[in-house]
Amino acid sequence: MEEKLFKEVIFHMENMNLEEYLRKQLEGIKKDRMMLDKIEQDISEKLRIVNSTDYDELKKLLCYGSIAYCCGTEKKCPFRDYVLMKLGITHREYEKLKKRWDIEFKAFIRQKESAETV
């Protein structure tokens, strides 16, 4: 590990002076710190929400802010599964809802298409 790091430093130093190299390293560290701060804030917010049973709060745990946009249960997602569990919805019930939403969406599209052809 140290040898690899040493070779990387030598490679970069051959292409720029030491001061330039160190400034770039510092810039990278600052970007990493900003990213870690954002991750920390995000996790703190999720921890605050975890004990809620209010859907408007729980949906903040989800990727797109709504259970309707989540993947089916064939894909693993701890956030979707946690929200379903907190709302008392089983995987089977969720899959039935997804199928119903799909049927309603298709009907909406068909209705829209027929209205456009008239």
PDB file of N, CA and C in Angstrom:
ATOM      1  N   MET A   1       0.830  -1.191   0.000  1.00  0.00           N
ATOM      2  CA  MET A   1       0.000   0.000   0.000  1.00  0.00           C
ATOM      3  C   MET A   1       0.875   1.255   0.000  1.00  0.00           C
ATOM      4  N   GLU A   2       1.837   1.309   0.924  1.00  0.00           N
ATOM      5  CA  GLU A   2       2.711   2.473   1.003  1.00  0.00           C
ATOM      6  C   GLU A   2       3.532   2.627  -0.268  1.00  0.00           C
ATOM      7  N   GLU A   3       3.981   1.498  -0.836  1.00  0.00           N
ATOM      8  CA  GLU A   3       4.780   1.549  -2.056  1.00  0.00           C
ATOM      9  C   GLU A   3       3.952   2.115  -3.209  1.00  0.00           C
ATOM     10  N   LYS A   4       2.684   1.698  -3.288  1.00  0.00           N
ATOM     11  CA  LYS A   4       1.794   2.198  -4.337  1.00  0.00           C
ATOM     12  C   LYS A   4       1.589   3.702  -4.184  1.00  0.00           C
ATOM     13  N   LEU A   5       1.340   4.138  -2.960  1.00  0.00           N
ATOM     14  CA  LEU A   5       1.160   5.559  -2.684  1.00  0.00           C
ATOM     15  C   LEU A   5       2.424   6.337  -3.024  1.00  0.00           C
ATOM     16  N   PHE A   6       3.585   5.789  -2.664  1.00  0.00           N
ATOM     17  CA  PHE A   6       4.858   6.440  -2.954  1.00  0.00           C
ATOM     18  C   PHE A   6       5.046   6.595  -4.464  1.00  0.00           C
ATOM     19  N   LYS A   7       4.726   5.547  -5.235  1.00  0.00           N
ATOM     20  CA  LYS A   7       4.854   5.606  -6.685  1.00  0.00           C
ATOM     21  C   LYS A   7       3.909   6.655  -7.273  1.00  0.00           C
ATOM     22  N   GLU A   8       2.701   6.762  -6.709  1.00  0.00           N
ATOM     23  CA  GLU A   8       1.736   7.752  -7.180  1.00  0.00           C
ATOM     24  C   GLU A   8       2.255   9.164  -6.934  1.00  0.00           C
ATOM     25  N   VAL A   9       2.820   9.393  -5.746  1.00  0.00           N
ATOM     26  CA  VAL A   9       3.382  10.711  -5.413  1.00  0.00           C
ATOM     27  C   VAL A   9       4.513  11.041  -6.373  1.00  0.00           C
ATOM     28  N   ILE A  10       5.398  10.098  -6.622  1.00  0.00           N
ATOM     29  CA  ILE A  10       6.521  10.327  -7.535  1.00  0.00           C
ATOM     30  C   ILE A  10       6.002  10.644  -8.931  1.00  0.00           C
ATOM     31  N   PHE A  11       5.002   9.891  -9.398  1.00  0.00           N
ATOM     32  CA  PHE A  11       4.438  10.136 -10.724  1.00  0.00           C
ATOM     33  C   PHE A  11       3.911  11.561 -10.831  1.00  0.00           C
ATOM     34  N   HIS A  12       3.141  11.998  -9.841  1.00  0.00           N
ATOM     35  CA  HIS A  12       2.559  13.338  -9.876  1.00  0.00           C
ATOM     36  C   HIS A  12       3.641  14.408  -9.744  1.00  0.00           C
ATOM     37  N   MET A  13       4.618  14.147  -8.926  1.00  0.00           N
ATOM     38  CA  MET A  13       5.670  15.151  -8.716  1.00  0.00           C
ATOM     39  C   MET A  13       6.539  15.290  -9.962  1.00  0.00           C
ATOM     40  N   GLU A  14       6.655  14.255 -10.777  1.00  0.00           N
ATOM     41  CA  GLU A  14       7.416  14.362 -12.012  1.00  0.00           C
ATOM     42  C   GLU A  14       6.711  15.277 -12.999  1.00  0.00           C
ATOM     43  N   ASN A  15       5.380  15.388 -12.860  1.00  0.00           N
ATOM     44  CA  ASN A  15       4.594  16.185 -13.797  1.00  0.00           C
ATOM     45  C   ASN A  15       4.227  17.574 -13.254  1.00  0.00           C
ATOM     46  N   MET A  16       4.555  17.881 -12.014  1.00  0.00           N
ATOM     47  CA  MET A  16       4.276  19.202 -11.430  1.00  0.00           C
ATOM     48  C   MET A  16       5.209  19.420 -10.248  1.00  0.00           C
ATOM     49  N   ASN A  17       5.330  20.655  -9.813  1.00  0.00           N
ATOM     50  CA  ASN A  17       6.217  20.901  -8.662  1.00  0.00           C
ATOM     51  C   ASN A  17       5.519  20.507  -7.366  1.00  0.00           C
ATOM     52  N   LEU A  18       6.271  20.406  -6.296  1.00  0.00           N
ATOM     53  CA  LEU A  18       5.749  19.934  -5.010  1.00  0.00           C
ATOM     54  C   LEU A  18       4.629  20.822  -4.493  1.00  0.00           C
ATOM     55  N   GLU A  19       4.781  22.122  -4.593  1.00  0.00           N
ATOM     56  CA  GLU A  19       3.750  23.037  -4.092  1.00  0.00           C
ATOM     57  C   GLU A  19       2.437  22.813  -4.842  1.00  0.00           C
ATOM     58  N   GLU A  20       2.500  22.680  -6.145  1.00  0.00           N
ATOM     59  CA  GLU A  20       1.309  22.449  -6.956  1.00  0.00           C
ATOM     60  C   GLU A  20       0.663  21.115  -6.568  1.00  0.00           C
ATOM     61  N   TYR A  21       1.484  20.101  -6.380  1.00  0.00           N
ATOM     62  CA  TYR A  21       0.992  18.779  -5.979  1.00  0.00           C
ATOM     63  C   TYR A  21       0.272  18.854  -4.634  1.00  0.00           C
ATOM     64  N   LEU A  22       0.885  19.522  -3.650  1.00  0.00           N
ATOM     65  CA  LEU A  22       0.297  19.622  -2.317  1.00  0.00           C
ATOM     66  C   LEU A  22      -0.992  20.432  -2.341  1.00  0.00           C
ATOM     67  N   ARG A  23      -1.038  21.483  -3.142  1.00  0.00           N
ATOM     68  CA  ARG A  23      -2.278  22.271  -3.265  1.00  0.00           C
ATOM     69  C   ARG A  23      -3.413  21.424  -3.846  1.00  0.00           C
ATOM     70  N   LYS A  24      -3.100  20.623  -4.842  1.00  0.00           N
ATOM     71  CA  LYS A  24      -4.120  19.742  -5.431  1.00  0.00           C
ATOM     72  C   LYS A  24      -4.600  18.709  -4.412  1.00  0.00           C
ATOM     73  N   GLN A  25      -3.684  18.184  -3.616  1.00  0.00           N
ATOM     74  CA  GLN A  25      -4.060  17.232  -2.571  1.00  0.00           C
ATOM     75  C   GLN A  25      -4.989  17.897  -1.558  1.00  0.00           C
ATOM     76  N   LEU A  26      -4.659  19.115  -1.138  1.00  0.00           N
ATOM     77  CA  LEU A  26      -5.472  19.855  -0.179  1.00  0.00           C
ATOM     78  C   LEU A  26      -6.856  20.151  -0.756  1.00  0.00           C
ATOM     79  N   GLU A  27      -6.899  20.525  -2.021  1.00  0.00           N
ATOM     80  CA  GLU A  27      -8.174  20.791  -2.687  1.00  0.00           C
ATOM     81  C   GLU A  27      -9.046  19.526  -2.691  1.00  0.00           C
ATOM     82  N   GLY A  28      -8.439  18.379  -2.973  1.00  0.00           N
ATOM     83  CA  GLY A  28      -9.169  17.113  -2.957  1.00  0.00           C
ATOM     84  C   GLY A  28      -9.703  16.787  -1.575  1.00  0.00           C
ATOM     85  N   ILE A  29      -8.906  17.047  -0.552  1.00  0.00           N
ATOM     86  CA  ILE A  29      -9.328  16.787   0.831  1.00  0.00           C
ATOM     87  C   ILE A  29     -10.513  17.675   1.196  1.00  0.00           C
ATOM     88  N   LYS A  30     -10.478  18.953   0.779  1.00  0.00           N
ATOM     89  CA  LYS A  30     -11.585  19.872   1.072  1.00  0.00           C
ATOM     90  C   LYS A  30     -12.870  19.403   0.396  1.00  0.00           C
ATOM     91  N   LYS A  31     -12.765  18.930  -0.855  1.00  0.00           N
ATOM     92  CA  LYS A  31     -13.944  18.414  -1.561  1.00  0.00           C
ATOM     93  C   LYS A  31     -14.484  17.175  -0.851  1.00  0.00           C
ATOM     94  N   ASP A  32     -13.578  16.286  -0.445  1.00  0.00           N
ATOM     95  CA  ASP A  32     -13.993  15.082   0.289  1.00  0.00           C
ATOM     96  C   ASP A  32     -14.700  15.448   1.581  1.00  0.00           C
ATOM     97  N   ARG A  33     -14.168  16.444   2.301  1.00  0.00           N
ATOM     98  CA  ARG A  33     -14.762  16.872   3.571  1.00  0.00           C
ATOM     99  C   ARG A  33     -16.169  17.428   3.338  1.00  0.00           C
ATOM    100  N   MET A  34     -16.338  18.221   2.268  1.00  0.00           N
ATOM    101  CA  MET A  34     -17.663  18.771   1.958  1.00  0.00           C
ATOM    102  C   MET A  34     -18.651  17.646   1.645  1.00  0.00           C
ATOM    103  N   MET A  35     -18.175  16.648   0.896  1.00  0.00           N
ATOM    104  CA  MET A  35     -19.033  15.524   0.561  1.00  0.00           C
ATOM    105  C   MET A  35     -19.398  14.737   1.824  1.00  0.00           C
ATOM    106  N   LEU A  36     -18.436  14.511   2.695  1.00  0.00           N
ATOM    107  CA  LEU A  36     -18.706  13.785   3.941  1.00  0.00           C
ATOM    108  C   LEU A  36     -19.659  14.562   4.844  1.00  0.00           C
ATOM    109  N   ASP A  37     -19.526  15.892   4.885  1.00  0.00           N
ATOM    110  CA  ASP A  37     -20.458  16.717   5.664  1.00  0.00           C
ATOM    111  C   ASP A  37     -21.882  16.557   5.137  1.00  0.00           C
ATOM    112  N   LYS A  38     -22.037  16.529   3.814  1.00  0.00           N
ATOM    113  CA  LYS A  38     -23.361  16.361   3.203  1.00  0.00           C
ATOM    114  C   LYS A  38     -23.931  14.986   3.552  1.00  0.00           C
ATOM    115  N   ILE A  39     -23.085  13.965   3.482  1.00  0.00           N
ATOM    116  CA  ILE A  39     -23.526  12.609   3.832  1.00  0.00           C
ATOM    117  C   ILE A  39     -23.938  12.555   5.297  1.00  0.00           C
ATOM    118  N   GLU A  40     -23.162  13.190   6.166  1.00  0.00           N
ATOM    119  CA  GLU A  40     -23.489  13.214   7.595  1.00  0.00           C
ATOM    120  C   GLU A  40     -24.833  13.893   7.836  1.00  0.00           C
ATOM    121  N   GLN A  41     -25.089  15.018   7.163  1.00  0.00           N
ATOM    122  CA  GLN A  41     -26.369  15.714   7.311  1.00  0.00           C
ATOM    123  C   GLN A  41     -27.523  14.828   6.832  1.00  0.00           C
ATOM    124  N   ASP A  42     -27.309  14.147   5.702  1.00  0.00           N
ATOM    125  CA  ASP A  42     -28.343  13.282   5.148  1.00  0.00           C
ATOM    126  C   ASP A  42     -28.677  12.139   6.105  1.00  0.00           C
ATOM    127  N   ILE A  43     -27.656  11.529   6.662  1.00  0.00           N
ATOM    128  CA  ILE A  43     -27.874  10.418   7.601  1.00  0.00           C
ATOM    129  C   ILE A  43     -28.543  10.918   8.879  1.00  0.00           C
ATOM    130  N   SER A  44     -28.132  12.077   9.375  1.00  0.00           N
ATOM    131  CA  SER A  44     -28.759  12.648  10.580  1.00  0.00           C
ATOM    132  C   SER A  44     -30.238  12.900  10.350  1.00  0.00           C
ATOM    133  N   GLU A  45     -30.592  13.408   9.166  1.00  0.00           N
ATOM    134  CA  GLU A  45     -31.998  13.659   8.829  1.00  0.00           C
ATOM    135  C   GLU A  45     -32.770  12.333   8.772  1.00  0.00           C
ATOM    136  N   LYS A  46     -32.174  11.321   8.176  1.00  0.00           N
ATOM    137  CA  LYS A  46     -32.838  10.007   8.102  1.00  0.00           C
ATOM    138  C   LYS A  46     -33.029   9.418   9.503  1.00  0.00           C
ATOM    139  N   LEU A  47     -32.042   9.581  10.375  1.00  0.00           N
ATOM    140  CA  LEU A  47     -32.172   9.087  11.754  1.00  0.00           C
ATOM    141  C   LEU A  47     -33.306   9.792  12.498  1.00  0.00           C
ATOM    142  N   ARG A  48     -33.494  11.067  12.215  1.00  0.00           N
ATOM    143  CA  ARG A  48     -34.572  11.827  12.839  1.00  0.00           C
ATOM    144  C   ARG A  48     -35.927  11.275  12.389  1.00  0.00           C
ATOM    145  N   ILE A  49     -36.027  10.863  11.143  1.00  0.00           N
ATOM    146  CA  ILE A  49     -37.285  10.412  10.555  1.00  0.00           C
ATOM    147  C   ILE A  49     -37.637   8.978  10.952  1.00  0.00           C
ATOM    148  N   VAL A  50     -36.640   8.165  11.238  1.00  0.00           N
ATOM    149  CA  VAL A  50     -36.818   6.724  11.447  1.00  0.00           C
ATOM    150  C   VAL A  50     -37.942   6.371  12.414  1.00  0.00           C
ATOM    151  N   ASN A  51     -38.151   7.127  13.446  1.00  0.00           N
ATOM    152  CA  ASN A  51     -39.162   6.775  14.440  1.00  0.00           C
ATOM    153  C   ASN A  51     -40.553   7.313  14.127  1.00  0.00           C
ATOM    154  N   SER A  52     -40.692   8.002  13.021  1.00  0.00           N
ATOM    155  CA  SER A  52     -41.984   8.557  12.645  1.00  0.00           C
ATOM    156  C   SER A  52     -42.905   7.478  12.082  1.00  0.00           C
ATOM    157  N   THR A  53     -44.210   7.710  12.190  1.00  0.00           N
ATOM    158  CA  THR A  53     -45.181   6.854  11.514  1.00  0.00           C
ATOM    159  C   THR A  53     -45.986   7.687  10.521  1.00  0.00           C
ATOM    160  N   ASP A  54     -45.608   8.945  10.358  1.00  0.00           N
ATOM    161  CA  ASP A  54     -46.273   9.866   9.433  1.00  0.00           C
ATOM    162  C   ASP A  54     -45.696   9.670   8.032  1.00  0.00           C
ATOM    163  N   TYR A  55     -46.562   9.344   7.064  1.00  0.00           N
ATOM    164  CA  TYR A  55     -46.082   9.078   5.708  1.00  0.00           C
ATOM    165  C   TYR A  55     -45.346  10.279   5.117  1.00  0.00           C
ATOM    166  N   ASP A  56     -45.823  11.487   5.388  1.00  0.00           N
ATOM    167  CA  ASP A  56     -45.148  12.679   4.843  1.00  0.00           C
ATOM    168  C   ASP A  56     -43.709  12.787   5.342  1.00  0.00           C
ATOM    169  N   GLU A  57     -43.436  12.278   6.515  1.00  0.00           N
ATOM    170  CA  GLU A  57     -42.060  12.244   7.032  1.00  0.00           C
ATOM    171  C   GLU A  57     -41.317  11.031   6.468  1.00  0.00           C
ATOM    172  N   LEU A  58     -41.961   9.866   6.528  1.00  0.00           N
ATOM    173  CA  LEU A  58     -41.315   8.633   6.083  1.00  0.00           C
ATOM    174  C   LEU A  58     -40.904   8.680   4.617  1.00  0.00           C
ATOM    175  N   LYS A  59     -41.703   9.339   3.777  1.00  0.00           N
ATOM    176  CA  LYS A  59     -41.386   9.362   2.348  1.00  0.00           C
ATOM    177  C   LYS A  59     -40.082  10.103   2.058  1.00  0.00           C
ATOM    178  N   LYS A  60     -39.592  10.873   3.012  1.00  0.00           N
ATOM    179  CA  LYS A  60     -38.292  11.542   2.847  1.00  0.00           C
ATOM    180  C   LYS A  60     -37.140  10.546   2.852  1.00  0.00           C
ATOM    181  N   LEU A  61     -37.402   9.334   3.324  1.00  0.00           N
ATOM    182  CA  LEU A  61     -36.387   8.280   3.309  1.00  0.00           C
ATOM    183  C   LEU A  61     -36.232   7.673   1.913  1.00  0.00           C
ATOM    184  N   LEU A  62     -37.226   7.856   1.061  1.00  0.00           N
ATOM    185  CA  LEU A  62     -37.261   7.201  -0.244  1.00  0.00           C
ATOM    186  C   LEU A  62     -36.548   8.015  -1.318  1.00  0.00           C
ATOM    187  N   CYS A  63     -36.033   7.319  -2.311  1.00  0.00           N
ATOM    188  CA  CYS A  63     -35.255   7.964  -3.378  1.00  0.00           C
ATOM    189  C   CYS A  63     -36.002   9.114  -4.059  1.00  0.00           C
ATOM    190  N   TYR A  64     -37.244   8.892  -4.418  1.00  0.00           N
ATOM    191  CA  TYR A  64     -38.003   9.899  -5.154  1.00  0.00           C
ATOM    192  C   TYR A  64     -39.132  10.512  -4.329  1.00  0.00           C
ATOM    193  N   GLY A  65     -39.125  10.285  -3.038  1.00  0.00           N
ATOM    194  CA  GLY A  65     -40.087  10.917  -2.155  1.00  0.00           C
ATOM    195  C   GLY A  65     -41.497  10.364  -2.219  1.00  0.00           C
ATOM    196  N   SER A  66     -41.670   9.187  -2.797  1.00  0.00           N
ATOM    197  CA  SER A  66     -42.994   8.569  -2.853  1.00  0.00           C
ATOM    198  C   SER A  66     -42.837   7.068  -3.015  1.00  0.00           C
ATOM    199  N   ILE A  67     -43.634   6.330  -2.297  1.00  0.00           N
ATOM    200  CA  ILE A  67     -43.597   4.873  -2.398  1.00  0.00           C
ATOM    201  C   ILE A  67     -44.037   4.418  -3.785  1.00  0.00           C
ATOM    202  N   ALA A  68     -44.821   5.243  -4.470  1.00  0.00           N
ATOM    203  CA  ALA A  68     -45.296   4.897  -5.813  1.00  0.00           C
ATOM    204  C   ALA A  68     -44.156   4.773  -6.816  1.00  0.00           C
ATOM    205  N   TYR A  69     -43.061   5.459  -6.580  1.00  0.00           N
ATOM    206  CA  TYR A  69     -41.935   5.438  -7.516  1.00  0.00           C
ATOM    207  C   TYR A  69     -40.889   4.381  -7.172  1.00  0.00           C
ATOM    208  N   CYS A  70     -41.072   3.682  -6.082  1.00  0.00           N
ATOM    209  CA  CYS A  70     -40.087   2.682  -5.661  1.00  0.00           C
ATOM    210  C   CYS A  70     -40.130   1.450  -6.559  1.00  0.00           C
ATOM    211  N   CYS A  71     -39.028   0.720  -6.557  1.00  0.00           N
ATOM    212  CA  CYS A  71     -38.934  -0.543  -7.298  1.00  0.00           C
ATOM    213  C   CYS A  71     -39.855  -1.580  -6.680  1.00  0.00           C
ATOM    214  N   GLY A  72     -40.102  -2.622  -7.447  1.00  0.00           N
ATOM    215  CA  GLY A  72     -40.841  -3.765  -6.922  1.00  0.00           C
ATOM    216  C   GLY A  72     -39.993  -4.490  -5.888  1.00  0.00           C
ATOM    217  N   THR A  73     -40.611  -5.409  -5.190  1.00  0.00           N
ATOM    218  CA  THR A  73     -39.929  -6.091  -4.094  1.00  0.00           C
ATOM    219  C   THR A  73     -38.895  -7.102  -4.564  1.00  0.00           C
ATOM    220  N   GLU A  74     -38.807  -7.348  -5.893  1.00  0.00           N
ATOM    221  CA  GLU A  74     -37.764  -8.251  -6.383  1.00  0.00           C
ATOM    222  C   GLU A  74     -36.375  -7.629  -6.217  1.00  0.00           C
ATOM    223  N   LYS A  75     -36.336  -6.309  -6.063  1.00  0.00           N
ATOM    224  CA  LYS A  75     -35.066  -5.624  -5.799  1.00  0.00           C
ATOM    225  C   LYS A  75     -35.001  -5.283  -4.322  1.00  0.00           C
ATOM    226  N   LYS A  76     -33.841  -5.464  -3.737  1.00  0.00           N
ATOM    227  CA  LYS A  76     -33.682  -5.177  -2.314  1.00  0.00           C
ATOM    228  C   LYS A  76     -33.542  -3.673  -2.099  1.00  0.00           C
ATOM    229  N   CYS A  77     -34.280  -3.155  -1.142  1.00  0.00           N
ATOM    230  CA  CYS A  77     -34.176  -1.747  -0.768  1.00  0.00           C
ATOM    231  C   CYS A  77     -34.570  -1.617   0.703  1.00  0.00           C
ATOM    232  N   PRO A  78     -33.604  -1.360   1.565  1.00  0.00           N
ATOM    233  CA  PRO A  78     -33.931  -1.255   2.991  1.00  0.00           C
ATOM    234  C   PRO A  78     -34.820  -0.055   3.313  1.00  0.00           C
ATOM    235  N   PHE A  79     -34.713   1.015   2.534  1.00  0.00           N
ATOM    236  CA  PHE A  79     -35.535   2.197   2.807  1.00  0.00           C
ATOM    237  C   PHE A  79     -36.995   1.941   2.451  1.00  0.00           C
ATOM    238  N   ARG A  80     -37.252   1.388   1.258  1.00  0.00           N
ATOM    239  CA  ARG A  80     -38.625   1.053   0.863  1.00  0.00           C
ATOM    240  C   ARG A  80     -39.234   0.057   1.847  1.00  0.00           C
ATOM    241  N   ASP A  81     -38.468  -0.988   2.166  1.00  0.00           N
ATOM    242  CA  ASP A  81     -38.986  -2.019   3.069  1.00  0.00           C
ATOM    243  C   ASP A  81     -39.274  -1.458   4.458  1.00  0.00           C
ATOM    244  N   TYR A  82     -38.446  -0.549   4.926  1.00  0.00           N
ATOM    245  CA  TYR A  82     -38.663   0.052   6.243  1.00  0.00           C
ATOM    246  C   TYR A  82     -39.946   0.881   6.240  1.00  0.00           C
ATOM    247  N   VAL A  83     -40.136   1.699   5.189  1.00  0.00           N
ATOM    248  CA  VAL A  83     -41.348   2.527   5.099  1.00  0.00           C
ATOM    249  C   VAL A  83     -42.587   1.634   5.010  1.00  0.00           C
ATOM    250  N   LEU A  84     -42.525   0.587   4.193  1.00  0.00           N
ATOM    251  CA  LEU A  84     -43.664  -0.339   4.107  1.00  0.00           C
ATOM    252  C   LEU A  84     -43.980  -0.939   5.475  1.00  0.00           C
ATOM    253  N   MET A  85     -42.940  -1.371   6.187  1.00  0.00           N
ATOM    254  CA  MET A  85     -43.124  -1.969   7.506  1.00  0.00           C
ATOM    255  C   MET A  85     -43.746  -0.963   8.479  1.00  0.00           C
ATOM    256  N   LYS A  86     -43.232   0.278   8.480  1.00  0.00           N
ATOM    257  CA  LYS A  86     -43.772   1.300   9.395  1.00  0.00           C
ATOM    258  C   LYS A  86     -45.229   1.630   9.070  1.00  0.00           C
ATOM    259  N   LEU A  87     -45.615   1.511   7.788  1.00  0.00           N
ATOM    260  CA  LEU A  87     -46.990   1.792   7.378  1.00  0.00           C
ATOM    261  C   LEU A  87     -47.893   0.562   7.480  1.00  0.00           C
ATOM    262  N   GLY A  88     -47.301  -0.581   7.833  1.00  0.00           N
ATOM    263  CA  GLY A  88     -48.086  -1.806   7.980  1.00  0.00           C
ATOM    264  C   GLY A  88     -48.511  -2.405   6.655  1.00  0.00           C
ATOM    265  N   ILE A  89     -47.727  -2.181   5.602  1.00  0.00           N
ATOM    266  CA  ILE A  89     -48.038  -2.709   4.274  1.00  0.00           C
ATOM    267  C   ILE A  89     -47.107  -3.881   3.988  1.00  0.00           C
ATOM    268  N   THR A  90     -47.669  -5.040   3.648  1.00  0.00           N
ATOM    269  CA  THR A  90     -46.847  -6.210   3.339  1.00  0.00           C
ATOM    270  C   THR A  90     -46.306  -6.099   1.916  1.00  0.00           C
ATOM    271  N   HIS A  91     -45.306  -6.924   1.614  1.00  0.00           N
ATOM    272  CA  HIS A  91     -44.772  -6.955   0.244  1.00  0.00           C
ATOM    273  C   HIS A  91     -45.858  -7.371  -0.750  1.00  0.00           C
ATOM    274  N   ARG A  92     -46.670  -8.319  -0.352  1.00  0.00           N
ATOM    275  CA  ARG A  92     -47.758  -8.789  -1.231  1.00  0.00           C
ATOM    276  C   ARG A  92     -48.744  -7.637  -1.519  1.00  0.00           C
ATOM    277  N   GLU A  93     -49.135  -6.899  -0.482  1.00  0.00           N
ATOM    278  CA  GLU A  93     -50.048  -5.763  -0.674  1.00  0.00           C
ATOM    279  C   GLU A  93     -49.399  -4.701  -1.562  1.00  0.00           C
ATOM    280  N   TYR A  94     -48.119  -4.465  -1.341  1.00  0.00           N
ATOM    281  CA  TYR A  94     -47.401  -3.467  -2.124  1.00  0.00           C
ATOM    282  C   TYR A  94     -47.373  -3.860  -3.606  1.00  0.00           C
ATOM    283  N   GLU A  95     -47.093  -5.119  -3.891  1.00  0.00           N
ATOM    284  CA  GLU A  95     -47.057  -5.587  -5.280  1.00  0.00           C
ATOM    285  C   GLU A  95     -48.437  -5.460  -5.929  1.00  0.00           C
ATOM    286  N   LYS A  96     -49.500  -5.729  -5.176  1.00  0.00           N
ATOM    287  CA  LYS A  96     -50.858  -5.557  -5.710  1.00  0.00           C
ATOM    288  C   LYS A  96     -51.114  -4.084  -6.037  1.00  0.00           C
ATOM    289  N   LEU A  97     -50.676  -3.194  -5.152  1.00  0.00           N
ATOM    290  CA  LEU A  97     -50.822  -1.753  -5.420  1.00  0.00           C
ATOM    291  C   LEU A  97     -50.056  -1.354  -6.678  1.00  0.00           C
ATOM    292  N   LYS A  98     -48.825  -1.858  -6.832  1.00  0.00           N
ATOM    293  CA  LYS A  98     -48.016  -1.532  -8.016  1.00  0.00           C
ATOM    294  C   LYS A  98     -48.734  -1.972  -9.287  1.00  0.00           C
ATOM    295  N   LYS A  99     -49.331  -3.170  -9.258  1.00  0.00           N
ATOM    296  CA  LYS A  99     -50.056  -3.665 -10.435  1.00  0.00           C
ATOM    297  C   LYS A  99     -51.268  -2.783 -10.731  1.00  0.00           C
ATOM    298  N   ARG A 100     -51.986  -2.380  -9.672  1.00  0.00           N
ATOM    299  CA  ARG A 100     -53.152  -1.514  -9.857  1.00  0.00           C
ATOM    300  C   ARG A 100     -52.739  -0.163 -10.433  1.00  0.00           C
ATOM    301  N   TRP A 101     -51.645   0.401  -9.925  1.00  0.00           N
ATOM    302  CA  TRP A 101     -51.146   1.688 -10.447  1.00  0.00           C
ATOM    303  C   TRP A 101     -50.767   1.562 -11.911  1.00  0.00           C
ATOM    304  N   ASP A 102     -50.172   0.424 -12.279  1.00  0.00           N
ATOM    305  CA  ASP A 102     -49.784   0.205 -13.673  1.00  0.00           C
ATOM    306  C   ASP A 102     -51.017   0.129 -14.567  1.00  0.00           C
ATOM    307  N   ILE A 103     -52.044  -0.583 -14.127  1.00  0.00           N
ATOM    308  CA  ILE A 103     -53.292  -0.695 -14.901  1.00  0.00           C
ATOM    309  C   ILE A 103     -53.918   0.684 -15.069  1.00  0.00           C
ATOM    310  N   GLU A 104     -53.982   1.462 -13.985  1.00  0.00           N
ATOM    311  CA  GLU A 104     -54.561   2.807 -14.057  1.00  0.00           C
ATOM    312  C   GLU A 104     -53.742   3.710 -14.976  1.00  0.00           C
ATOM    313  N   PHE A 105     -52.424   3.571 -14.947  1.00  0.00           N
ATOM    314  CA  PHE A 105     -51.561   4.380 -15.798  1.00  0.00           C
ATOM    315  C   PHE A 105     -51.801   4.039 -17.272  1.00  0.00           C
ATOM    316  N   LYS A 106     -51.872   2.732 -17.577  1.00  0.00           N
ATOM    317  CA  LYS A 106     -52.130   2.310 -18.957  1.00  0.00           C
ATOM    318  C   LYS A 106     -53.483   2.820 -19.437  1.00  0.00           C
ATOM    319  N   ALA A 107     -54.507   2.760 -18.592  1.00  0.00           N
ATOM    320  CA  ALA A 107     -55.842   3.254 -18.953  1.00  0.00           C
ATOM    321  C   ALA A 107     -55.788   4.759 -19.224  1.00  0.00           C
ATOM    322  N   PHE A 108     -55.058   5.482 -18.421  1.00  0.00           N
ATOM    323  CA  PHE A 108     -54.905   6.924 -18.613  1.00  0.00           C
ATOM    324  C   PHE A 108     -54.251   7.218 -19.960  1.00  0.00           C
ATOM    325  N   ILE A 109     -53.204   6.471 -20.295  1.00  0.00           N
ATOM    326  CA  ILE A 109     -52.493   6.671 -21.566  1.00  0.00           C
ATOM    327  C   ILE A 109     -53.417   6.367 -22.744  1.00  0.00           C
ATOM    328  N   ARG A 110     -54.156   5.252 -22.660  1.00  0.00           N
ATOM    329  CA  ARG A 110     -55.085   4.885 -23.734  1.00  0.00           C
ATOM    330  C   ARG A 110     -56.152   5.963 -23.931  1.00  0.00           C
ATOM    331  N   GLN A 111     -56.688   6.479 -22.830  1.00  0.00           N
ATOM    332  CA  GLN A 111     -57.698   7.523 -22.886  1.00  0.00           C
ATOM    333  C   GLN A 111     -57.117   8.786 -23.520  1.00  0.00           C
ATOM    334  N   LYS A 112     -55.923   9.120 -23.173  1.00  0.00           N
ATOM    335  CA  LYS A 112     -55.247  10.298 -23.708  1.00  0.00           C
ATOM    336  C   LYS A 112     -54.997  10.132 -25.207  1.00  0.00           C
ATOM    337  N   GLU A 113     -54.567   8.913 -25.606  1.00  0.00           N
ATOM    338  CA  GLU A 113     -54.305   8.648 -27.022  1.00  0.00           C
ATOM    339  C   GLU A 113     -55.598   8.727 -27.846  1.00  0.00           C
ATOM    340  N   SER A 114     -56.716   8.172 -27.296  1.00  0.00           N
ATOM    341  CA  SER A 114     -57.963   8.222 -28.056  1.00  0.00           C
ATOM    342  C   SER A 114     -58.503   9.635 -28.142  1.00  0.00           C
ATOM    343  N   ALA A 115     -58.267  10.448 -27.142  1.00  0.00           N
ATOM    344  CA  ALA A 115     -58.724  11.843 -27.181  1.00  0.00           C
ATOM    345  C   ALA A 115     -57.928  12.633 -28.220  1.00  0.00           C
ATOM    346  N   GLU A 116     -56.698  12.274 -28.429  1.00  0.00           N
ATOM    347  CA  GLU A 116     -55.850  12.968 -29.405  1.00  0.00           C
ATOM    348  C   GLU A 116     -56.190  12.567 -30.840  1.00  0.00           C
ATOM    349  N   THR A 117     -56.724  11.381 -31.048  1.00  0.00           N
ATOM    350  CA  THR A 117     -57.051  10.920 -32.397  1.00  0.00           C
ATOM    351  C   THR A 117     -58.385  11.452 -32.864  1.00  0.00           C
ATOM    352  N   VAL A 118     -59.202  12.000 -31.961  1.00  0.00           N
ATOM    353  CA  VAL A 118     -60.531  12.520 -32.328  1.00  0.00           C
ATOM    354  C   VAL A 118     -60.422  13.901 -32.897  1.00  0.00           C
TER     355      VAL A 118
END
